[in-house]
């Protein structure tokens, strides 16, 4: 089925929700979806990275092992 037709069906059926209105894994179906933007991050991603870094610095200063925050930062660096 054509992904654009399926998207139109979603928007007028019980499948309608934030995920189907704002994101779509098929590039070009929703112009503002991450898939249509080559999954490039915007300001929200930059802000999140800043907050993760600050949280990690605070945790390290307090002697707390913030394993998941550190792994998130490590994974993010792998993507760059």
N, C-alpha and C. Protein backbone atom coordinates (compact mmCIF):
# COMPACT_ATOMS: atom_id res chain seq x y z
N UNK A 1 0.84 -1.17 0.00
CA UNK A 1 0.00 0.00 0.00
C UNK A 1 0.89 1.24 0.00
N UNK A 2 0.46 2.24 -0.69
CA UNK A 2 1.18 3.51 -0.73
C UNK A 2 1.22 4.10 0.68
N UNK A 3 2.42 4.42 1.20
CA UNK A 3 2.54 4.94 2.56
C UNK A 3 1.75 6.23 2.79
N UNK A 4 1.62 7.07 1.78
CA UNK A 4 0.85 8.31 1.94
C UNK A 4 -0.64 8.03 2.07
N UNK A 5 -1.13 7.03 1.35
CA UNK A 5 -2.54 6.64 1.46
C UNK A 5 -2.79 6.06 2.85
N UNK A 6 -1.88 5.22 3.32
CA UNK A 6 -2.02 4.63 4.64
C UNK A 6 -2.03 5.73 5.71
N UNK A 7 -1.19 6.73 5.57
CA UNK A 7 -1.16 7.84 6.51
C UNK A 7 -2.50 8.58 6.52
N UNK A 8 -3.07 8.79 5.36
CA UNK A 8 -4.38 9.46 5.29
C UNK A 8 -5.45 8.64 6.00
N UNK A 9 -5.39 7.33 5.86
CA UNK A 9 -6.34 6.45 6.55
C UNK A 9 -6.14 6.57 8.07
N UNK A 10 -4.90 6.57 8.50
CA UNK A 10 -4.61 6.70 9.93
C UNK A 10 -5.22 7.98 10.51
N UNK A 11 -5.11 9.08 9.77
CA UNK A 11 -5.55 10.36 10.32
C UNK A 11 -7.07 10.48 10.48
N UNK A 12 -7.83 9.57 9.86
CA UNK A 12 -9.30 9.63 9.99
C UNK A 12 -9.86 8.35 10.63
N UNK A 13 -9.00 7.60 11.32
CA UNK A 13 -9.46 6.34 11.92
C UNK A 13 -9.02 6.27 13.37
N UNK A 14 -9.28 5.14 13.98
CA UNK A 14 -8.87 4.94 15.37
C UNK A 14 -7.36 4.83 15.52
N UNK A 15 -6.64 4.76 14.43
CA UNK A 15 -5.17 4.74 14.49
C UNK A 15 -4.59 6.12 14.71
N UNK A 16 -5.42 7.16 14.62
CA UNK A 16 -4.94 8.53 14.79
C UNK A 16 -4.40 8.73 16.20
N UNK A 17 -3.18 9.21 16.30
CA UNK A 17 -2.56 9.53 17.58
C UNK A 17 -1.33 10.39 17.30
N UNK A 18 -0.67 10.80 18.37
CA UNK A 18 0.51 11.65 18.19
C UNK A 18 1.56 10.96 17.31
N UNK A 19 1.77 9.69 17.53
CA UNK A 19 2.80 8.99 16.78
C UNK A 19 2.50 8.95 15.28
N UNK A 20 1.24 8.74 14.93
CA UNK A 20 0.91 8.67 13.50
C UNK A 20 0.79 10.06 12.88
N UNK A 21 0.51 11.07 13.70
CA UNK A 21 0.42 12.44 13.18
C UNK A 21 1.78 13.12 13.07
N UNK A 22 2.70 12.78 13.96
CA UNK A 22 3.97 13.50 14.02
C UNK A 22 5.17 12.75 13.50
N UNK A 23 5.08 11.44 13.47
CA UNK A 23 6.22 10.65 13.01
C UNK A 23 5.75 9.60 12.03
N UNK A 24 6.64 9.21 11.19
CA UNK A 24 6.38 8.13 10.24
C UNK A 24 7.72 7.62 9.79
N UNK A 25 7.95 6.32 9.81
CA UNK A 25 9.27 5.80 9.44
C UNK A 25 9.58 5.89 7.94
N UNK A 26 8.60 6.23 7.14
CA UNK A 26 8.82 6.32 5.70
C UNK A 26 9.11 7.78 5.32
N UNK A 27 10.30 8.06 4.81
CA UNK A 27 10.63 9.44 4.43
C UNK A 27 9.65 9.99 3.39
N UNK A 28 9.27 11.25 3.59
CA UNK A 28 8.43 11.93 2.62
C UNK A 28 6.94 11.87 2.89
N UNK A 29 6.50 11.03 3.82
CA UNK A 29 5.08 10.93 4.11
C UNK A 29 4.63 12.14 4.93
N UNK A 30 5.37 12.45 5.98
CA UNK A 30 5.11 13.63 6.80
C UNK A 30 6.36 14.51 6.71
N UNK A 31 6.26 15.67 6.09
CA UNK A 31 7.45 16.51 5.87
C UNK A 31 8.23 16.85 7.14
N UNK A 32 7.55 16.97 8.27
CA UNK A 32 8.24 17.35 9.51
C UNK A 32 8.71 16.16 10.33
N UNK A 33 8.46 14.95 9.87
CA UNK A 33 8.87 13.75 10.61
C UNK A 33 10.38 13.57 10.56
N UNK A 34 10.98 13.00 11.59
CA UNK A 34 12.42 12.76 11.58
C UNK A 34 12.89 11.97 10.35
N UNK A 35 12.09 11.01 9.90
CA UNK A 35 12.49 10.22 8.73
C UNK A 35 12.60 11.07 7.47
N UNK A 36 11.82 12.13 7.39
CA UNK A 36 11.87 13.03 6.22
C UNK A 36 13.02 14.03 6.34
N UNK A 37 13.66 14.06 7.50
CA UNK A 37 14.75 15.00 7.75
C UNK A 37 16.06 14.26 7.97
N UNK A 38 16.18 13.07 7.42
CA UNK A 38 17.37 12.23 7.55
C UNK A 38 17.74 12.01 9.02
N UNK A 39 16.74 12.06 9.91
CA UNK A 39 16.89 11.86 11.34
C UNK A 39 17.87 12.84 11.99
N UNK A 40 17.98 14.03 11.41
CA UNK A 40 18.81 15.06 12.02
C UNK A 40 18.08 15.66 13.21
N UNK A 41 18.80 15.88 14.26
CA UNK A 41 18.21 16.48 15.45
C UNK A 41 18.08 17.99 15.30
N UNK A 42 17.23 18.56 16.05
CA UNK A 42 17.06 20.01 16.07
C UNK A 42 17.44 20.55 17.42
N UNK A 43 16.85 21.68 17.78
CA UNK A 43 17.18 22.33 19.04
C UNK A 43 16.88 21.42 20.23
N UNK A 44 15.79 20.67 20.19
CA UNK A 44 15.43 19.81 21.32
C UNK A 44 16.54 18.80 21.61
N UNK A 45 17.18 18.28 20.58
CA UNK A 45 18.26 17.32 20.77
C UNK A 45 19.47 18.01 21.40
N UNK A 46 19.77 19.21 20.93
CA UNK A 46 20.89 19.97 21.49
C UNK A 46 20.63 20.27 22.97
N UNK A 47 19.41 20.66 23.29
CA UNK A 47 19.05 20.95 24.67
C UNK A 47 19.15 19.70 25.54
N UNK A 48 18.68 18.58 25.03
CA UNK A 48 18.74 17.32 25.76
C UNK A 48 20.19 16.91 26.02
N UNK A 49 21.05 17.05 25.02
CA UNK A 49 22.46 16.71 25.19
C UNK A 49 23.10 17.58 26.27
N UNK A 50 22.76 18.87 26.29
CA UNK A 50 23.29 19.77 27.31
C UNK A 50 22.85 19.31 28.70
N UNK A 51 21.55 18.99 28.83
CA UNK A 51 21.02 18.56 30.12
C UNK A 51 21.62 17.24 30.58
N UNK A 52 21.81 16.31 29.66
CA UNK A 52 22.45 15.04 30.02
C UNK A 52 23.87 15.28 30.51
N UNK A 53 24.59 16.16 29.84
CA UNK A 53 25.97 16.47 30.23
C UNK A 53 26.00 17.09 31.63
N UNK A 54 25.10 18.05 31.88
CA UNK A 54 25.05 18.67 33.21
C UNK A 54 24.69 17.65 34.28
N UNK A 55 23.73 16.80 34.00
CA UNK A 55 23.34 15.77 34.95
C UNK A 55 24.47 14.82 35.25
N UNK A 56 25.20 14.44 34.22
CA UNK A 56 26.34 13.54 34.40
C UNK A 56 27.43 14.20 35.23
N UNK A 57 27.71 15.47 34.97
CA UNK A 57 28.71 16.20 35.75
C UNK A 57 28.30 16.29 37.22
N UNK A 58 27.04 16.56 37.49
CA UNK A 58 26.55 16.63 38.87
C UNK A 58 26.65 15.27 39.55
N UNK A 59 26.26 14.23 38.86
CA UNK A 59 26.33 12.89 39.43
C UNK A 59 27.77 12.52 39.76
N UNK A 60 28.68 12.80 38.84
CA UNK A 60 30.08 12.47 39.07
C UNK A 60 30.64 13.27 40.25
N UNK A 61 30.26 14.55 40.36
CA UNK A 61 30.72 15.38 41.48
C UNK A 61 30.20 14.85 42.81
N UNK A 62 29.04 14.24 42.80
CA UNK A 62 28.43 13.69 44.02
C UNK A 62 28.85 12.25 44.27
N UNK A 63 29.67 11.70 43.39
CA UNK A 63 30.13 10.33 43.55
C UNK A 63 29.08 9.29 43.20
N UNK A 64 28.14 9.67 42.35
CA UNK A 64 27.06 8.77 41.95
C UNK A 64 27.39 8.18 40.58
N UNK A 65 27.20 6.88 40.45
CA UNK A 65 27.42 6.23 39.16
C UNK A 65 26.15 6.34 38.33
N UNK A 66 26.12 7.29 37.43
CA UNK A 66 24.95 7.50 36.57
C UNK A 66 25.15 6.69 35.28
N UNK A 67 25.08 5.39 35.44
CA UNK A 67 25.40 4.47 34.34
C UNK A 67 24.57 4.72 33.08
N UNK A 68 23.27 4.86 33.24
CA UNK A 68 22.42 5.02 32.06
C UNK A 68 22.62 6.37 31.38
N UNK A 69 22.88 7.40 32.16
CA UNK A 69 23.16 8.71 31.57
C UNK A 69 24.47 8.63 30.80
N UNK A 70 25.48 8.02 31.40
CA UNK A 70 26.77 7.88 30.73
C UNK A 70 26.62 7.07 29.44
N UNK A 71 25.86 5.98 29.50
CA UNK A 71 25.66 5.16 28.30
C UNK A 71 24.92 5.94 27.21
N UNK A 72 23.96 6.76 27.63
CA UNK A 72 23.24 7.60 26.67
C UNK A 72 24.19 8.56 25.98
N UNK A 73 25.07 9.16 26.75
CA UNK A 73 26.05 10.09 26.18
C UNK A 73 27.02 9.35 25.26
N UNK A 74 27.48 8.17 25.69
CA UNK A 74 28.41 7.38 24.87
C UNK A 74 27.75 7.00 23.55
N UNK A 75 26.48 6.57 23.61
CA UNK A 75 25.76 6.18 22.41
C UNK A 75 25.59 7.38 21.48
N UNK A 76 25.27 8.52 22.05
CA UNK A 76 25.07 9.73 21.24
C UNK A 76 26.36 10.08 20.50
N UNK A 77 27.52 9.92 21.17
CA UNK A 77 28.80 10.24 20.52
C UNK A 77 29.09 9.25 19.39
N UNK A 78 28.63 8.01 19.54
CA UNK A 78 28.83 7.01 18.47
C UNK A 78 28.05 7.41 17.21
N UNK A 79 26.93 8.09 17.39
CA UNK A 79 26.09 8.46 16.26
C UNK A 79 26.65 9.64 15.49
N UNK A 80 27.48 10.44 16.13
CA UNK A 80 28.01 11.65 15.46
C UNK A 80 29.09 11.33 14.48
